[in-house]
Amino acid sequence: MPKHILICTDLDRTLLPNGKQPESPKARSIFSRLVSRPEVTLAYVSGRHLELVKNAISEYDLPLPDWIIGDVGTTIYQLRNGKWLHWYEWEQDIATDWQGNIANDLRALFTDLPALRLQEEAKQNCYKLSYYVPLQTDIAALQKTMSQRLEAQHLAASLIYSVDEATSMGLLDVLPAHATKLHAIEFLMQHQSFDYVNTVFAGDSGNDLPVLASAIQSVLVANADGNVIEQAKTQTRKQKTMTAFYLAQGGFLGMNGNYSAGILEGIAHYHPETRLWMEENHEQ
């Protein structure tokens, strides 16, 4: 067991039990006690912006993380002396992909595409251009058109698609190519002296796929959509990262594998010694 472990987790429908499936009653409290250990550094990795992450922490009584990777990987904040400090070095790192442009400058490229509806201004930032997309949209064709327009302007970008189950709406984010959750986590690992052996990521949705299919030890919670499960399996086989991917099954400590129960199951899969911590906490 490494002396220290970095636990990175998505929020909505991963740590937060706000999906359709039931939550194991004691899972979140075990998770909270686990991440309170001095060996653990905790990062929330979310599509939410900072205020919405703070709202989730309050609403669900979540443990305060050491780091927040927000806005689908375009912002990073560190908790220091009770305050959230913006990590500007990260934004400087990703800014080069857009050659001095920001998200507002890119909107004009897509105004004629009827499938796209801009998300609220609070969900936009300098390096995140976000749209709502109807579920019946041909996403592959739309992404191809958008990618061609970005490439014509010599802009390196990622188009990240996911589905909001609560609203039955597609979400499409235009990000600098290096601003994915994956690159943000790797940036954090590099600057905080973590590696692939002592980092674990948990997710559930399409915008988690780049991390789930990477060399980072990852867990897909059991409540994930079937389509995401199949995509994750396909991508890990293609990238030969199957040993760094775990699909929660349920049954661990008598829990169902959904949400935080799945996170705990995945952590114990990669780091079996942590099970003792969980069982000790389970008995308290």
C-alpha atoms as a PDB file:
ATOM      1  CA  MET A   1       0.000   0.000   0.000  1.00  0.00           C
ATOM      2  CA  PRO A   2       1.451   3.392  -0.930  1.00  0.00           C
ATOM      3  CA  LYS A   3       2.029   5.807   1.926  1.00  0.00           C
ATOM      4  CA  HIS A   4      -0.361   8.242   0.284  1.00  0.00           C
ATOM      5  CA  ILE A   5      -3.248   7.804  -2.118  1.00  0.00           C
ATOM      6  CA  LEU A   6      -4.989  10.345  -4.334  1.00  0.00           C
ATOM      7  CA  ILE A   7      -8.716   9.646  -4.668  1.00  0.00           C
ATOM      8  CA  CYS A   8     -10.383  11.537  -7.511  1.00  0.00           C
ATOM      9  CA  THR A   9     -14.119  11.214  -7.957  1.00  0.00           C
ATOM     10  CA  ASP A  10     -16.827  12.631 -10.132  1.00  0.00           C
ATOM     11  CA  LEU A  11     -19.834  14.004  -8.246  1.00  0.00           C
ATOM     12  CA  ASP A  12     -23.208  13.683  -9.977  1.00  0.00           C
ATOM     13  CA  ARG A  13     -24.381  10.064  -9.996  1.00  0.00           C
ATOM     14  CA  THR A  14     -20.946   8.929  -8.805  1.00  0.00           C
ATOM     15  CA  LEU A  15     -20.459  10.235  -5.271  1.00  0.00           C
ATOM     16  CA  LEU A  16     -23.828  11.991  -5.248  1.00  0.00           C
ATOM     17  CA  PRO A  17     -26.761   9.537  -5.099  1.00  0.00           C
ATOM     18  CA  ASN A  18     -28.842  11.648  -7.497  1.00  0.00           C
ATOM     19  CA  GLY A  19     -29.509   8.972 -10.107  1.00  0.00           C
ATOM     20  CA  LYS A  20     -32.366   6.485 -10.454  1.00  0.00           C
ATOM     21  CA  GLN A  21     -30.741   3.623  -8.535  1.00  0.00           C
ATOM     22  CA  PRO A  22     -30.765   3.266  -4.728  1.00  0.00           C
ATOM     23  CA  GLU A  23     -27.825   4.213  -2.516  1.00  0.00           C
ATOM     24  CA  SER A  24     -26.400   1.829   0.076  1.00  0.00           C
ATOM     25  CA  PRO A  25     -27.330   3.505   3.388  1.00  0.00           C
ATOM     26  CA  LYS A  26     -23.903   3.521   5.068  1.00  0.00           C
ATOM     27  CA  ALA A  27     -21.705   3.962   2.002  1.00  0.00           C
ATOM     28  CA  ARG A  28     -21.292   7.730   2.121  1.00  0.00           C
ATOM     29  CA  SER A  29     -20.407   7.759   5.821  1.00  0.00           C
ATOM     30  CA  ILE A  30     -17.763   5.073   5.260  1.00  0.00           C
ATOM     31  CA  PHE A  31     -16.399   7.099   2.338  1.00  0.00           C
ATOM     32  CA  SER A  32     -16.243  10.245   4.497  1.00  0.00           C
ATOM     33  CA  ARG A  33     -14.289   8.484   7.242  1.00  0.00           C
ATOM     34  CA  LEU A  34     -11.963   6.846   4.704  1.00  0.00           C
ATOM     35  CA  VAL A  35     -10.984  10.129   3.051  1.00  0.00           C
ATOM     36  CA  SER A  36     -10.456  11.790   6.430  1.00  0.00           C
ATOM     37  CA  ARG A  37      -7.375   9.619   6.960  1.00  0.00           C
ATOM     38  CA  PRO A  38      -4.052  11.500   6.684  1.00  0.00           C
ATOM     39  CA  GLU A  39      -2.874   9.095   3.975  1.00  0.00           C
ATOM     40  CA  VAL A  40      -5.611  10.272   1.604  1.00  0.00           C
ATOM     41  CA  THR A  41      -5.740  13.317  -0.646  1.00  0.00           C
ATOM     42  CA  LEU A  42      -9.224  13.915  -2.058  1.00  0.00           C
ATOM     43  CA  ALA A  43     -10.157  15.665  -5.298  1.00  0.00           C
ATOM     44  CA  TYR A  44     -13.656  16.194  -6.669  1.00  0.00           C
ATOM     45  CA  VAL A  45     -13.690  16.098 -10.472  1.00  0.00           C
ATOM     46  CA  SER A  46     -16.898  17.525 -11.842  1.00  0.00           C
ATOM     47  CA  GLY A  47     -18.679  19.204 -14.704  1.00  0.00           C
ATOM     48  CA  ARG A  48     -20.049  21.634 -12.120  1.00  0.00           C
ATOM     49  CA  HIS A  49     -18.571  25.072 -11.534  1.00  0.00           C
ATOM     50  CA  LEU A  50     -17.205  25.981  -8.097  1.00  0.00           C
ATOM     51  CA  GLU A  51     -20.427  27.333  -6.565  1.00  0.00           C
ATOM     52  CA  LEU A  52     -22.402  24.270  -7.640  1.00  0.00           C
ATOM     53  CA  VAL A  53     -19.713  21.981  -6.199  1.00  0.00           C
ATOM     54  CA  LYS A  54     -19.924  23.891  -2.911  1.00  0.00           C
ATOM     55  CA  ASN A  55     -23.716  23.527  -3.019  1.00  0.00           C
ATOM     56  CA  ALA A  56     -23.364  19.764  -3.459  1.00  0.00           C
ATOM     57  CA  ILE A  57     -20.929  19.525  -0.541  1.00  0.00           C
ATOM     58  CA  SER A  58     -23.448  21.308   1.663  1.00  0.00           C
ATOM     59  CA  GLU A  59     -26.573  19.524   0.397  1.00  0.00           C
ATOM     60  CA  TYR A  60     -25.147  16.007   0.666  1.00  0.00           C
ATOM     61  CA  ASP A  61     -22.901  16.619   3.688  1.00  0.00           C
ATOM     62  CA  LEU A  62     -19.801  15.606   1.756  1.00  0.00           C
ATOM     63  CA  PRO A  63     -16.273  15.778   3.170  1.00  0.00           C
ATOM     64  CA  LEU A  64     -14.324  18.841   2.100  1.00  0.00           C
ATOM     65  CA  PRO A  65     -11.831  17.860  -0.601  1.00  0.00           C
ATOM     66  CA  ASP A  66      -8.267  19.090  -0.876  1.00  0.00           C
ATOM     67  CA  TRP A  67      -8.818  19.941  -4.555  1.00  0.00           C
ATOM     68  CA  ILE A  68     -11.685  20.655  -6.920  1.00  0.00           C
ATOM     69  CA  ILE A  69     -11.274  20.035 -10.635  1.00  0.00           C
ATOM     70  CA  GLY A  70     -14.361  21.785 -11.978  1.00  0.00           C
ATOM     71  CA  ASP A  71     -16.060  22.794 -15.205  1.00  0.00           C
ATOM     72  CA  VAL A  72     -15.234  19.446 -16.896  1.00  0.00           C
ATOM     73  CA  GLY A  73     -11.529  19.951 -16.220  1.00  0.00           C
ATOM     74  CA  THR A  74     -11.111  23.603 -17.198  1.00  0.00           C
ATOM     75  CA  THR A  75     -10.616  24.919 -13.646  1.00  0.00           C
ATOM     76  CA  ILE A  76      -8.681  23.674 -10.626  1.00  0.00           C
ATOM     77  CA  TYR A  77      -9.024  25.003  -7.078  1.00  0.00           C
ATOM     78  CA  GLN A  78      -7.070  24.172  -3.930  1.00  0.00           C
ATOM     79  CA  LEU A  79      -8.509  24.430  -0.431  1.00  0.00           C
ATOM     80  CA  ARG A  80      -6.021  26.347   1.680  1.00  0.00           C
ATOM     81  CA  ASN A  81      -6.779  27.865   5.082  1.00  0.00           C
ATOM     82  CA  GLY A  82     -10.484  27.519   4.478  1.00  0.00           C
ATOM     83  CA  LYS A  83     -10.426  29.329   1.135  1.00  0.00           C
ATOM     84  CA  TRP A  84     -10.680  28.044  -2.429  1.00  0.00           C
ATOM     85  CA  LEU A  85      -7.664  29.276  -4.376  1.00  0.00           C
ATOM     86  CA  HIS A  86      -7.778  29.354  -8.172  1.00  0.00           C
ATOM     87  CA  TRP A  87      -4.850  27.460  -9.701  1.00  0.00           C
ATOM     88  CA  TYR A  88      -3.948  29.790 -12.553  1.00  0.00           C
ATOM     89  CA  GLU A  89      -0.995  27.675 -13.667  1.00  0.00           C
ATOM     90  CA  TRP A  90      -3.485  25.155 -15.025  1.00  0.00           C
ATOM     91  CA  GLU A  91      -5.328  27.736 -17.111  1.00  0.00           C
ATOM     92  CA  GLN A  92      -2.024  29.015 -18.470  1.00  0.00           C
ATOM     93  CA  ASP A  93      -1.211  25.460 -19.471  1.00  0.00           C
ATOM     94  CA  ILE A  94      -4.453  24.899 -21.431  1.00  0.00           C
ATOM     95  CA  ALA A  95      -4.720  28.410 -22.924  1.00  0.00           C
ATOM     96  CA  THR A  96      -2.162  27.689 -25.630  1.00  0.00           C
ATOM     97  CA  ASP A  97      -4.596  25.278 -27.336  1.00  0.00           C
ATOM     98  CA  TRP A  98      -6.820  28.191 -28.361  1.00  0.00           C
ATOM     99  CA  GLN A  99      -4.055  30.594 -29.385  1.00  0.00           C
ATOM    100  CA  GLY A 100      -5.245  33.538 -27.348  1.00  0.00           C
ATOM    101  CA  ASN A 101      -8.965  32.951 -27.905  1.00  0.00           C
ATOM    102  CA  ILE A 102     -11.486  32.303 -25.146  1.00  0.00           C
ATOM    103  CA  ALA A 103     -14.830  30.517 -25.266  1.00  0.00           C
ATOM    104  CA  ASN A 104     -16.820  33.628 -26.222  1.00  0.00           C
ATOM    105  CA  ASP A 105     -14.681  33.987 -29.331  1.00  0.00           C
ATOM    106  CA  LEU A 106     -15.653  30.492 -30.490  1.00  0.00           C
ATOM    107  CA  ARG A 107     -19.430  30.911 -30.293  1.00  0.00           C
ATOM    108  CA  ALA A 108     -19.651  32.476 -33.742  1.00  0.00           C
ATOM    109  CA  LEU A 109     -18.353  29.263 -35.302  1.00  0.00           C
ATOM    110  CA  PHE A 110     -21.499  27.359 -34.333  1.00  0.00           C
ATOM    111  CA  THR A 111     -24.405  29.832 -34.395  1.00  0.00           C
ATOM    112  CA  ASP A 112     -25.955  28.213 -37.488  1.00  0.00           C
ATOM    113  CA  LEU A 113     -26.167  24.701 -35.969  1.00  0.00           C
ATOM    114  CA  PRO A 114     -29.798  24.274 -34.851  1.00  0.00           C
ATOM    115  CA  ALA A 115     -29.117  21.325 -32.520  1.00  0.00           C
ATOM    116  CA  LEU A 116     -27.013  23.506 -30.233  1.00  0.00           C
ATOM    117  CA  ARG A 117     -28.524  25.631 -27.455  1.00  0.00           C
ATOM    118  CA  LEU A 118     -26.151  27.584 -25.253  1.00  0.00           C
ATOM    119  CA  GLN A 119     -26.193  26.656 -21.587  1.00  0.00           C
ATOM    120  CA  GLU A 120     -26.644  29.363 -18.968  1.00  0.00           C
ATOM    121  CA  GLU A 121     -23.848  31.912 -18.586  1.00  0.00           C
ATOM    122  CA  ALA A 122     -23.037  30.571 -15.111  1.00  0.00           C
ATOM    123  CA  LYS A 123     -22.067  27.273 -16.776  1.00  0.00           C
ATOM    124  CA  GLN A 124     -19.643  28.925 -19.205  1.00  0.00           C
ATOM    125  CA  ASN A 125     -16.116  30.111 -18.512  1.00  0.00           C
ATOM    126  CA  CYS A 126     -13.081  31.343 -20.404  1.00  0.00           C
ATOM    127  CA  TYR A 127     -12.126  27.847 -21.565  1.00  0.00           C
ATOM    128  CA  LYS A 128     -15.477  26.032 -21.543  1.00  0.00           C
ATOM    129  CA  LEU A 129     -18.175  26.571 -24.159  1.00  0.00           C
ATOM    130  CA  SER A 130     -21.219  24.510 -23.183  1.00  0.00           C
ATOM    131  CA  TYR A 131     -24.364  23.576 -25.077  1.00  0.00           C
ATOM    132  CA  TYR A 132     -27.560  21.607 -24.548  1.00  0.00           C
ATOM    133  CA  VAL A 133     -28.253  19.058 -27.292  1.00  0.00           C
ATOM    134  CA  PRO A 134     -31.492  17.081 -27.801  1.00  0.00           C
ATOM    135  CA  LEU A 135     -31.016  13.353 -27.212  1.00  0.00           C
ATOM    136  CA  GLN A 136     -32.198  12.459 -30.720  1.00  0.00           C
ATOM    137  CA  THR A 137     -29.332  14.428 -32.277  1.00  0.00           C
ATOM    138  CA  ASP A 138     -26.762  12.609 -34.431  1.00  0.00           C
ATOM    139  CA  ILE A 139     -23.906  13.418 -32.065  1.00  0.00           C
ATOM    140  CA  ALA A 140     -21.163  11.908 -34.217  1.00  0.00           C
ATOM    141  CA  ALA A 141     -22.151  14.016 -37.231  1.00  0.00           C
ATOM    142  CA  LEU A 142     -22.494  17.155 -35.104  1.00  0.00           C
ATOM    143  CA  GLN A 143     -19.095  16.647 -33.485  1.00  0.00           C
ATOM    144  CA  LYS A 144     -17.518  16.052 -36.900  1.00  0.00           C
ATOM    145  CA  THR A 145     -18.895  19.342 -38.241  1.00  0.00           C
ATOM    146  CA  MET A 146     -17.768  21.269 -35.175  1.00  0.00           C
ATOM    147  CA  SER A 147     -14.322  19.666 -35.215  1.00  0.00           C
ATOM    148  CA  GLN A 148     -13.804  20.599 -38.848  1.00  0.00           C
ATOM    149  CA  ARG A 149     -14.629  24.227 -38.126  1.00  0.00           C
ATOM    150  CA  LEU A 150     -12.283  24.336 -35.150  1.00  0.00           C
ATOM    151  CA  GLU A 151      -9.466  22.735 -37.121  1.00  0.00           C
ATOM    152  CA  ALA A 152      -9.956  25.250 -39.928  1.00  0.00           C
ATOM    153  CA  GLN A 153      -9.192  27.963 -37.372  1.00  0.00           C
ATOM    154  CA  HIS A 154      -6.164  26.004 -36.062  1.00  0.00           C
ATOM    155  CA  LEU A 155      -7.821  25.581 -32.663  1.00  0.00           C
ATOM    156  CA  ALA A 156      -7.011  22.415 -30.708  1.00  0.00           C
ATOM    157  CA  ALA A 157     -10.213  21.391 -28.944  1.00  0.00           C
ATOM    158  CA  SER A 158     -12.007  18.460 -27.322  1.00  0.00           C
ATOM    159  CA  LEU A 159     -15.743  17.924 -27.748  1.00  0.00           C
ATOM    160  CA  ILE A 160     -17.046  16.139 -24.660  1.00  0.00           C
ATOM    161  CA  TYR A 161     -20.569  14.725 -24.760  1.00  0.00           C
ATOM    162  CA  SER A 162     -22.568  13.363 -21.840  1.00  0.00           C
ATOM    163  CA  VAL A 163     -26.207  12.922 -20.846  1.00  0.00           C
ATOM    164  CA  ASP A 164     -27.973  14.542 -17.896  1.00  0.00           C
ATOM    165  CA  GLU A 165     -30.330  11.782 -16.797  1.00  0.00           C
ATOM    166  CA  ALA A 166     -32.282  14.127 -14.539  1.00  0.00           C
ATOM    167  CA  THR A 167     -33.334  16.363 -17.447  1.00  0.00           C
ATOM    168  CA  SER A 168     -33.026  13.823 -20.300  1.00  0.00           C
ATOM    169  CA  MET A 169     -30.828  16.302 -22.134  1.00  0.00           C
ATOM    170  CA  GLY A 170     -27.507  15.934 -23.901  1.00  0.00           C
ATOM    171  CA  LEU A 171     -24.594  18.108 -22.784  1.00  0.00           C
ATOM    172  CA  LEU A 172     -21.812  19.071 -25.189  1.00  0.00           C
ATOM    173  CA  ASP A 173     -18.722  20.930 -23.993  1.00  0.00           C
ATOM    174  CA  VAL A 174     -16.112  22.527 -26.250  1.00  0.00           C
ATOM    175  CA  LEU A 175     -12.821  22.590 -24.344  1.00  0.00           C
ATOM    176  CA  PRO A 176      -9.160  23.176 -25.093  1.00  0.00           C
ATOM    177  CA  ALA A 177      -7.679  19.844 -26.157  1.00  0.00           C
ATOM    178  CA  HIS A 178      -5.698  19.535 -22.923  1.00  0.00           C
ATOM    179  CA  ALA A 179      -8.557  20.624 -20.646  1.00  0.00           C
ATOM    180  CA  THR A 180     -10.226  17.257 -20.166  1.00  0.00           C
ATOM    181  CA  LYS A 181     -10.699  15.685 -16.760  1.00  0.00           C
ATOM    182  CA  LEU A 182      -7.880  13.295 -17.699  1.00  0.00           C
ATOM    183  CA  HIS A 183      -5.288  15.980 -18.335  1.00  0.00           C
ATOM    184  CA  ALA A 184      -6.376  17.950 -15.277  1.00  0.00           C
ATOM    185  CA  ILE A 185      -5.917  14.897 -13.062  1.00  0.00           C
ATOM    186  CA  GLU A 186      -2.521  14.156 -14.627  1.00  0.00           C
ATOM    187  CA  PHE A 187      -1.496  17.807 -14.083  1.00  0.00           C
ATOM    188  CA  LEU A 188      -2.496  17.492 -10.419  1.00  0.00           C
ATOM    189  CA  MET A 189      -0.668  14.171 -10.086  1.00  0.00           C
ATOM    190  CA  GLN A 190       2.494  15.631 -11.610  1.00  0.00           C
ATOM    191  CA  HIS A 191       2.542  18.699  -9.376  1.00  0.00           C
ATOM    192  CA  GLN A 192       1.601  16.839  -6.180  1.00  0.00           C
ATOM    193  CA  SER A 193       3.953  13.861  -6.652  1.00  0.00           C
ATOM    194  CA  PHE A 194       1.330  11.181  -7.282  1.00  0.00           C
ATOM    195  CA  ASP A 195       1.658   8.491  -9.925  1.00  0.00           C
ATOM    196  CA  TYR A 196      -0.501   5.816 -11.566  1.00  0.00           C
ATOM    197  CA  VAL A 197       0.138   3.401  -8.693  1.00  0.00           C
ATOM    198  CA  ASN A 198      -1.301   5.609  -5.950  1.00  0.00           C
ATOM    199  CA  THR A 199      -4.130   7.403  -7.803  1.00  0.00           C
ATOM    200  CA  VAL A 200      -7.694   6.114  -8.169  1.00  0.00           C
ATOM    201  CA  PHE A 201     -10.484   7.772 -10.175  1.00  0.00           C
ATOM    202  CA  ALA A 202     -14.214   7.032 -10.013  1.00  0.00           C
ATOM    203  CA  GLY A 203     -16.841   8.096 -12.547  1.00  0.00           C
ATOM    204  CA  ASP A 204     -20.111   7.193 -14.214  1.00  0.00           C
ATOM    205  CA  SER A 205     -20.706   9.195 -17.402  1.00  0.00           C
ATOM    206  CA  GLY A 206     -19.511   9.968 -20.902  1.00  0.00           C
ATOM    207  CA  ASN A 207     -17.272  12.836 -19.870  1.00  0.00           C
ATOM    208  CA  ASP A 208     -15.421  10.415 -17.559  1.00  0.00           C
ATOM    209  CA  LEU A 209     -14.488   8.047 -20.395  1.00  0.00           C
ATOM    210  CA  PRO A 210     -11.071   9.610 -21.174  1.00  0.00           C
ATOM    211  CA  VAL A 211     -10.006   8.888 -17.572  1.00  0.00           C
ATOM    212  CA  LEU A 212     -11.733   5.508 -17.333  1.00  0.00           C
ATOM    213  CA  ALA A 213      -9.883   4.334 -20.453  1.00  0.00           C
ATOM    214  CA  SER A 214      -6.515   5.768 -19.413  1.00  0.00           C
ATOM    215  CA  ALA A 215      -3.635   4.266 -17.445  1.00  0.00           C
ATOM    216  CA  ILE A 216      -5.043   5.817 -14.257  1.00  0.00           C
ATOM    217  CA  GLN A 217      -6.584   3.195 -11.957  1.00  0.00           C
ATOM    218  CA  SER A 218     -10.298   3.799 -12.466  1.00  0.00           C
ATOM    219  CA  VAL A 219     -13.630   2.469 -11.271  1.00  0.00           C
ATOM    220  CA  LEU A 220     -16.966   2.763 -13.044  1.00  0.00           C
ATOM    221  CA  VAL A 221     -19.755   2.686 -10.468  1.00  0.00           C
ATOM    222  CA  ALA A 222     -22.445   0.014 -10.891  1.00  0.00           C
ATOM    223  CA  ASN A 223     -25.217   2.537 -11.542  1.00  0.00           C
ATOM    224  CA  ALA A 224     -23.518   3.803 -14.723  1.00  0.00           C
ATOM    225  CA  ASP A 225     -25.572   3.788 -17.911  1.00  0.00           C
ATOM    226  CA  GLY A 226     -25.211   0.608 -19.961  1.00  0.00           C
ATOM    227  CA  ASN A 227     -23.976   2.539 -22.974  1.00  0.00           C
ATOM    228  CA  VAL A 228     -21.178   4.117 -20.925  1.00  0.00           C
ATOM    229  CA  ILE A 229     -20.223   0.684 -19.570  1.00  0.00           C
ATOM    230  CA  GLU A 230     -19.906  -0.724 -23.092  1.00  0.00           C
ATOM    231  CA  GLN A 231     -17.934   2.316 -24.322  1.00  0.00           C
ATOM    232  CA  ALA A 232     -15.558   2.032 -21.371  1.00  0.00           C
ATOM    233  CA  LYS A 233     -14.963  -1.669 -22.038  1.00  0.00           C
ATOM    234  CA  THR A 234     -14.384  -1.033 -25.735  1.00  0.00           C
ATOM    235  CA  GLN A 235     -11.985   1.858 -25.155  1.00  0.00           C
ATOM    236  CA  THR A 236      -9.960   0.063 -22.485  1.00  0.00           C
ATOM    237  CA  ARG A 237      -9.546  -2.941 -24.789  1.00  0.00           C
ATOM    238  CA  LYS A 238      -8.489  -0.654 -27.628  1.00  0.00           C
ATOM    239  CA  GLN A 239      -5.995   1.236 -25.460  1.00  0.00           C
ATOM    240  CA  LYS A 240      -4.858  -1.931 -23.649  1.00  0.00           C
ATOM    241  CA  THR A 241      -5.640  -0.450 -20.233  1.00  0.00           C
ATOM    242  CA  MET A 242      -7.970  -3.201 -18.999  1.00  0.00           C
ATOM    243  CA  THR A 243      -5.907  -3.765 -15.853  1.00  0.00           C
ATOM    244  CA  ALA A 244      -6.499  -0.130 -14.852  1.00  0.00           C
ATOM    245  CA  PHE A 245     -10.288  -0.390 -15.229  1.00  0.00           C
ATOM    246  CA  TYR A 246     -12.737  -1.851 -12.723  1.00  0.00           C
ATOM    247  CA  LEU A 247     -16.517  -2.089 -13.001  1.00  0.00           C
ATOM    248  CA  ALA A 248     -18.184  -2.180  -9.594  1.00  0.00           C
ATOM    249  CA  GLN A 249     -20.345  -5.274  -9.143  1.00  0.00           C
ATOM    250  CA  GLY A 250     -21.865  -4.838  -5.694  1.00  0.00           C
ATOM    251  CA  GLY A 251     -21.558  -7.204  -2.758  1.00  0.00           C
ATOM    252  CA  PHE A 252     -18.504  -5.456  -1.273  1.00  0.00           C
ATOM    253  CA  LEU A 253     -19.111  -4.980   2.482  1.00  0.00           C
ATOM    254  CA  GLY A 254     -22.720  -5.924   1.802  1.00  0.00           C
ATOM    255  CA  MET A 255     -23.261  -2.833  -0.370  1.00  0.00           C
ATOM    256  CA  ASN A 256     -24.793  -2.540  -3.842  1.00  0.00           C
ATOM    257  CA  GLY A 257     -21.930  -0.979  -5.845  1.00  0.00           C
ATOM    258  CA  ASN A 258     -23.876   2.173  -6.688  1.00  0.00           C
ATOM    259  CA  TYR A 259     -22.432   5.656  -6.107  1.00  0.00           C
ATOM    260  CA  SER A 260     -20.031   5.824  -3.125  1.00  0.00           C
ATOM    261  CA  ALA A 261     -20.375   2.055  -2.549  1.00  0.00           C
ATOM    262  CA  GLY A 262     -18.871   1.543  -6.006  1.00  0.00           C
ATOM    263  CA  ILE A 263     -16.085   4.016  -5.276  1.00  0.00           C
ATOM    264  CA  LEU A 264     -15.153   2.136  -2.103  1.00  0.00           C
ATOM    265  CA  GLU A 265     -15.288  -1.208  -3.926  1.00  0.00           C
ATOM    266  CA  GLY A 266     -12.936   0.100  -6.604  1.00  0.00           C
ATOM    267  CA  ILE A 267     -10.471   1.588  -4.130  1.00  0.00           C
ATOM    268  CA  ALA A 268     -10.321  -1.732  -2.258  1.00  0.00           C
ATOM    269  CA  HIS A 269      -9.830  -3.571  -5.571  1.00  0.00           C
ATOM    270  CA  TYR A 270      -6.683  -1.572  -6.345  1.00  0.00           C
ATOM    271  CA  HIS A 271      -5.517  -1.159  -2.745  1.00  0.00           C
ATOM    272  CA  PRO A 272      -6.746  -4.165  -0.738  1.00  0.00           C
ATOM    273  CA  GLU A 273      -5.186  -2.858   2.471  1.00  0.00           C
ATOM    274  CA  THR A 274      -7.754  -0.065   2.555  1.00  0.00           C
ATOM    275  CA  ARG A 275     -10.473  -2.618   3.203  1.00  0.00           C
ATOM    276  CA  LEU A 276      -9.279  -2.818   6.805  1.00  0.00           C
ATOM    277  CA  TRP A 277      -9.815   0.937   7.141  1.00  0.00           C
ATOM    278  CA  MET A 278     -13.293   0.585   5.705  1.00  0.00           C
ATOM    279  CA  GLU A 279     -14.220  -2.397   7.894  1.00  0.00           C
ATOM    280  CA  GLU A 280     -12.967  -0.601  11.010  1.00  0.00           C
ATOM    281  CA  ASN A 281     -15.023   2.432  10.048  1.00  0.00           C
ATOM    282  CA  HIS A 282     -17.961   0.180   9.190  1.00  0.00           C
ATOM    283  CA  GLU A 283     -18.041  -1.095  12.755  1.00  0.00           C
ATOM    284  CA  GLN A 284     -18.018   2.326  14.340  1.00  0.00           C
END
